[in-house]
Amino acid sequence: MSGPDRSAFARRHAVALCIVFLALLALAGLRGNAFAGLAGVAGLAWVIWAHLERN
């Protein structure tokens, strides 16, 4: 028996993180909250950087 497909798990995890950080950006846009906006941008940048480092 083979183990779980780690690349599929990592891809789903990255997509979930992107959705969370995009939600932070949407919240920042609706509320005018600069901290949520910065957290969303930093989070998205981190997910993209981690994806590029992996490839």
Protein backbone atom coordinates (compact mmCIF):
# COMPACT_ATOMS: atom_id res chain seq x y z
CA MET A 1 0.00 0.00 0.00
CA SER A 2 1.25 3.44 -0.84
CA GLY A 3 0.98 6.40 1.49
CA PRO A 4 -1.20 9.45 0.97
CA ASP A 5 -0.49 11.70 -1.99
CA ARG A 6 1.46 14.49 -0.32
CA SER A 7 1.51 16.76 -3.35
CA ALA A 8 -2.30 16.75 -3.56
CA PHE A 9 -2.51 17.46 0.18
CA ALA A 10 -0.02 20.33 -0.14
CA ARG A 11 -1.96 21.75 -3.08
CA ARG A 12 -5.26 21.66 -1.15
CA HIS A 13 -3.55 23.24 1.86
CA ALA A 14 -2.12 26.06 -0.28
CA VAL A 15 -5.52 26.70 -1.87
CA ALA A 16 -7.17 26.82 1.57
CA LEU A 17 -4.54 29.29 2.81
CA CYS A 18 -5.05 31.47 -0.27
CA ILE A 19 -8.80 31.54 0.40
CA VAL A 20 -8.18 32.57 4.02
CA PHE A 21 -5.80 35.36 3.02
CA LEU A 22 -8.15 36.54 0.25
CA ALA A 23 -10.93 36.66 2.85
CA LEU A 24 -8.68 38.86 5.00
CA LEU A 25 -8.17 41.16 2.02
CA ALA A 26 -11.93 41.30 1.41
CA LEU A 27 -12.51 42.10 5.08
CA ALA A 28 -9.91 44.84 4.88
CA GLY A 29 -11.65 46.30 1.86
CA LEU A 30 -15.06 46.25 3.52
CA ARG A 31 -13.95 47.54 6.90
CA GLY A 32 -11.03 49.72 5.91
CA ASN A 33 -8.82 47.71 8.27
CA ALA A 34 -5.20 48.25 7.27
CA PHE A 35 -3.91 45.44 9.52
CA ALA A 36 -6.15 42.85 7.86
CA GLY A 37 -5.04 44.12 4.46
CA LEU A 38 -1.37 43.82 5.34
CA ALA A 39 -1.92 40.36 6.80
CA GLY A 40 -3.73 39.27 3.63
CA VAL A 41 -1.03 40.61 1.32
CA ALA A 42 1.78 39.14 3.44
CA GLY A 43 -0.01 35.79 3.64
CA LEU A 44 -0.59 35.59 -0.10
CA ALA A 45 3.02 36.55 -0.77
CA TRP A 46 4.16 33.82 1.64
CA VAL A 47 2.01 31.14 -0.04
CA ILE A 48 3.23 32.16 -3.51
CA TRP A 49 6.87 32.25 -2.37
CA ALA A 50 6.58 28.82 -0.73
CA HIS A 51 5.04 27.41 -3.90
CA LEU A 52 7.81 28.85 -6.08
CA GLU A 53 10.51 27.59 -3.70
CA ARG A 54 9.03 24.09 -3.85
CA ASN A 55 9.14 23.95 -7.64
